[in-house]
Amino acid sequence: HTPAERGAIDRLTVHLFIADAERPQTEGSPVAGKTVVFTGTLEQMSRAEAKARAEALGAKVSGSVSAKTDLVVAGPGAGSKAKKAAELGVETIDEDAWLAMIDGL
């Protein structure tokens, strides 16, 4: 940057206010700190909505099932992910149970 550009930047930065990022309210969330996987077809919300909701409640959303997975939400058509969850003993619930779990949070 030229000295004139640096001066302009310095004059502008004086007027900036950078707010702290808001942290999601995860207190009391049944999925806070857990890894959640969505599989199959979700009928009451899009996959993006489900992911955003889970993350807002403090969960980590993964695209694959592993021994580190805490919860699988399985909709109709769930295939290999649901099978792997069963093999690993990972808790698996349907979309209605997921919605009941997060209702009011």
C-alpha atoms as a PDB file:
ATOM      1  CA  HIS A   1       0.000   0.000   0.000  1.00  0.00           C
ATOM      2  CA  THR A   2       1.088   3.547  -0.644  1.00  0.00           C
ATOM      3  CA  PRO A   3       1.405   6.000   2.238  1.00  0.00           C
ATOM      4  CA  ALA A   4      -1.831   7.667   1.101  1.00  0.00           C
ATOM      5  CA  GLU A   5      -3.668   4.324   1.107  1.00  0.00           C
ATOM      6  CA  ARG A   6      -2.328   3.454   4.554  1.00  0.00           C
ATOM      7  CA  GLY A   7      -3.456   6.841   5.854  1.00  0.00           C
ATOM      8  CA  ALA A   8      -6.946   6.307   4.439  1.00  0.00           C
ATOM      9  CA  ILE A   9      -7.125   2.852   6.011  1.00  0.00           C
ATOM     10  CA  ASP A  10      -5.975   4.194   9.379  1.00  0.00           C
ATOM     11  CA  ARG A  11      -8.617   6.960   9.273  1.00  0.00           C
ATOM     12  CA  LEU A  12     -11.347   4.430   8.472  1.00  0.00           C
ATOM     13  CA  THR A  13     -10.360   1.856  11.089  1.00  0.00           C
ATOM     14  CA  VAL A  14     -10.872   4.425  13.839  1.00  0.00           C
ATOM     15  CA  HIS A  15     -14.598   4.246  13.051  1.00  0.00           C
ATOM     16  CA  LEU A  16     -14.871   0.451  13.120  1.00  0.00           C
ATOM     17  CA  PHE A  17     -16.577  -1.403  15.918  1.00  0.00           C
ATOM     18  CA  ILE A  18     -16.078  -5.150  15.995  1.00  0.00           C
ATOM     19  CA  ALA A  19     -18.545  -6.928  18.240  1.00  0.00           C
ATOM     20  CA  ASP A  20     -17.772 -10.231  19.909  1.00  0.00           C
ATOM     21  CA  ALA A  21     -19.284 -13.200  18.125  1.00  0.00           C
ATOM     22  CA  GLU A  22     -22.402 -14.551  19.780  1.00  0.00           C
ATOM     23  CA  ARG A  23     -21.977 -18.025  21.145  1.00  0.00           C
ATOM     24  CA  PRO A  24     -24.875 -20.427  20.793  1.00  0.00           C
ATOM     25  CA  GLN A  25     -26.906 -21.075  23.923  1.00  0.00           C
ATOM     26  CA  THR A  26     -26.115 -24.711  24.568  1.00  0.00           C
ATOM     27  CA  GLU A  27     -26.924 -24.914  28.267  1.00  0.00           C
ATOM     28  CA  GLY A  28     -29.437 -27.685  28.793  1.00  0.00           C
ATOM     29  CA  SER A  29     -28.991 -28.972  25.252  1.00  0.00           C
ATOM     30  CA  PRO A  30     -29.120 -32.773  25.056  1.00  0.00           C
ATOM     31  CA  VAL A  31     -26.682 -32.706  22.116  1.00  0.00           C
ATOM     32  CA  ALA A  32     -24.106 -30.181  23.360  1.00  0.00           C
ATOM     33  CA  GLY A  33     -20.634 -31.594  22.791  1.00  0.00           C
ATOM     34  CA  LYS A  34     -21.944 -34.651  20.946  1.00  0.00           C
ATOM     35  CA  THR A  35     -21.301 -35.786  17.387  1.00  0.00           C
ATOM     36  CA  VAL A  36     -24.501 -36.224  15.379  1.00  0.00           C
ATOM     37  CA  VAL A  37     -24.988 -37.804  11.944  1.00  0.00           C
ATOM     38  CA  PHE A  38     -28.099 -37.347   9.799  1.00  0.00           C
ATOM     39  CA  THR A  39     -28.925 -40.074   7.291  1.00  0.00           C
ATOM     40  CA  GLY A  40     -31.822 -40.974   5.039  1.00  0.00           C
ATOM     41  CA  THR A  41     -34.533 -38.528   4.018  1.00  0.00           C
ATOM     42  CA  LEU A  42     -35.613 -35.899   6.515  1.00  0.00           C
ATOM     43  CA  GLU A  43     -39.270 -35.083   5.927  1.00  0.00           C
ATOM     44  CA  GLN A  44     -39.920 -32.170   8.284  1.00  0.00           C
ATOM     45  CA  MET A  45     -36.793 -30.075   7.743  1.00  0.00           C
ATOM     46  CA  SER A  46     -34.012 -29.891   5.207  1.00  0.00           C
ATOM     47  CA  ARG A  47     -30.642 -31.451   5.908  1.00  0.00           C
ATOM     48  CA  ALA A  48     -29.155 -27.929   6.061  1.00  0.00           C
ATOM     49  CA  GLU A  49     -31.773 -26.862   8.633  1.00  0.00           C
ATOM     50  CA  ALA A  50     -31.145 -29.968  10.730  1.00  0.00           C
ATOM     51  CA  LYS A  51     -27.392 -29.370  10.638  1.00  0.00           C
ATOM     52  CA  ALA A  52     -27.760 -25.688  11.546  1.00  0.00           C
ATOM     53  CA  ARG A  53     -30.107 -26.523  14.417  1.00  0.00           C
ATOM     54  CA  ALA A  54     -27.790 -29.208  15.787  1.00  0.00           C
ATOM     55  CA  GLU A  55     -24.764 -26.916  15.574  1.00  0.00           C
ATOM     56  CA  ALA A  56     -26.679 -24.084  17.254  1.00  0.00           C
ATOM     57  CA  LEU A  57     -27.344 -26.486  20.122  1.00  0.00           C
ATOM     58  CA  GLY A  58     -23.651 -27.261  20.478  1.00  0.00           C
ATOM     59  CA  ALA A  59     -23.406 -30.481  18.481  1.00  0.00           C
ATOM     60  CA  LYS A  60     -20.788 -31.356  15.906  1.00  0.00           C
ATOM     61  CA  VAL A  61     -22.417 -32.679  12.734  1.00  0.00           C
ATOM     62  CA  SER A  62     -20.509 -35.321  10.804  1.00  0.00           C
ATOM     63  CA  GLY A  63     -21.141 -36.883   7.431  1.00  0.00           C
ATOM     64  CA  SER A  64     -20.019 -40.342   8.470  1.00  0.00           C
ATOM     65  CA  VAL A  65     -20.576 -42.754  11.341  1.00  0.00           C
ATOM     66  CA  SER A  66     -17.620 -43.787  13.487  1.00  0.00           C
ATOM     67  CA  ALA A  67     -16.901 -44.922  17.017  1.00  0.00           C
ATOM     68  CA  LYS A  68     -16.853 -41.221  17.946  1.00  0.00           C
ATOM     69  CA  THR A  69     -20.463 -40.718  16.799  1.00  0.00           C
ATOM     70  CA  ASP A  70     -22.899 -40.192  19.669  1.00  0.00           C
ATOM     71  CA  LEU A  71     -26.219 -40.041  17.823  1.00  0.00           C
ATOM     72  CA  VAL A  72     -27.593 -40.944  14.400  1.00  0.00           C
ATOM     73  CA  VAL A  73     -30.852 -39.421  13.204  1.00  0.00           C
ATOM     74  CA  ALA A  74     -32.185 -41.797  10.554  1.00  0.00           C
ATOM     75  CA  GLY A  75     -34.975 -40.971   8.150  1.00  0.00           C
ATOM     76  CA  PRO A  76     -36.601 -43.193   5.528  1.00  0.00           C
ATOM     77  CA  GLY A  77     -34.073 -44.679   3.147  1.00  0.00           C
ATOM     78  CA  ALA A  78     -31.252 -44.737   5.676  1.00  0.00           C
ATOM     79  CA  GLY A  79     -28.760 -47.295   4.481  1.00  0.00           C
ATOM     80  CA  SER A  80     -25.134 -47.981   5.274  1.00  0.00           C
ATOM     81  CA  LYS A  81     -24.823 -45.262   7.916  1.00  0.00           C
ATOM     82  CA  ALA A  82     -27.716 -46.705   9.924  1.00  0.00           C
ATOM     83  CA  LYS A  83     -26.268 -50.198   9.544  1.00  0.00           C
ATOM     84  CA  LYS A  84     -22.834 -49.055  10.713  1.00  0.00           C
ATOM     85  CA  ALA A  85     -24.396 -47.219  13.672  1.00  0.00           C
ATOM     86  CA  ALA A  86     -26.141 -50.443  14.714  1.00  0.00           C
ATOM     87  CA  GLU A  87     -22.887 -52.399  14.395  1.00  0.00           C
ATOM     88  CA  LEU A  88     -21.080 -49.845  16.581  1.00  0.00           C
ATOM     89  CA  GLY A  89     -23.883 -49.596  19.132  1.00  0.00           C
ATOM     90  CA  VAL A  90     -24.495 -45.914  18.371  1.00  0.00           C
ATOM     91  CA  GLU A  91     -27.853 -44.567  19.528  1.00  0.00           C
ATOM     92  CA  THR A  92     -30.152 -44.183  16.510  1.00  0.00           C
ATOM     93  CA  ILE A  93     -33.416 -42.244  16.529  1.00  0.00           C
ATOM     94  CA  ASP A  94     -35.915 -41.174  13.888  1.00  0.00           C
ATOM     95  CA  GLU A  95     -36.702 -37.610  12.868  1.00  0.00           C
ATOM     96  CA  ASP A  96     -39.748 -37.365  15.156  1.00  0.00           C
ATOM     97  CA  ALA A  97     -37.628 -38.336  18.175  1.00  0.00           C
ATOM     98  CA  TRP A  98     -34.993 -35.789  17.086  1.00  0.00           C
ATOM     99  CA  LEU A  99     -37.605 -33.035  16.879  1.00  0.00           C
ATOM    100  CA  ALA A 100     -39.010 -34.008  20.286  1.00  0.00           C
ATOM    101  CA  MET A 101     -35.480 -33.959  21.739  1.00  0.00           C
ATOM    102  CA  ILE A 102     -34.747 -30.431  20.513  1.00  0.00           C
ATOM    103  CA  ASP A 103     -38.264 -29.008  20.874  1.00  0.00           C
ATOM    104  CA  GLY A 104     -38.269 -25.803  22.850  1.00  0.00           C
ATOM    105  CA  LEU A 105     -34.497 -25.340  22.733  1.00  0.00           C
END
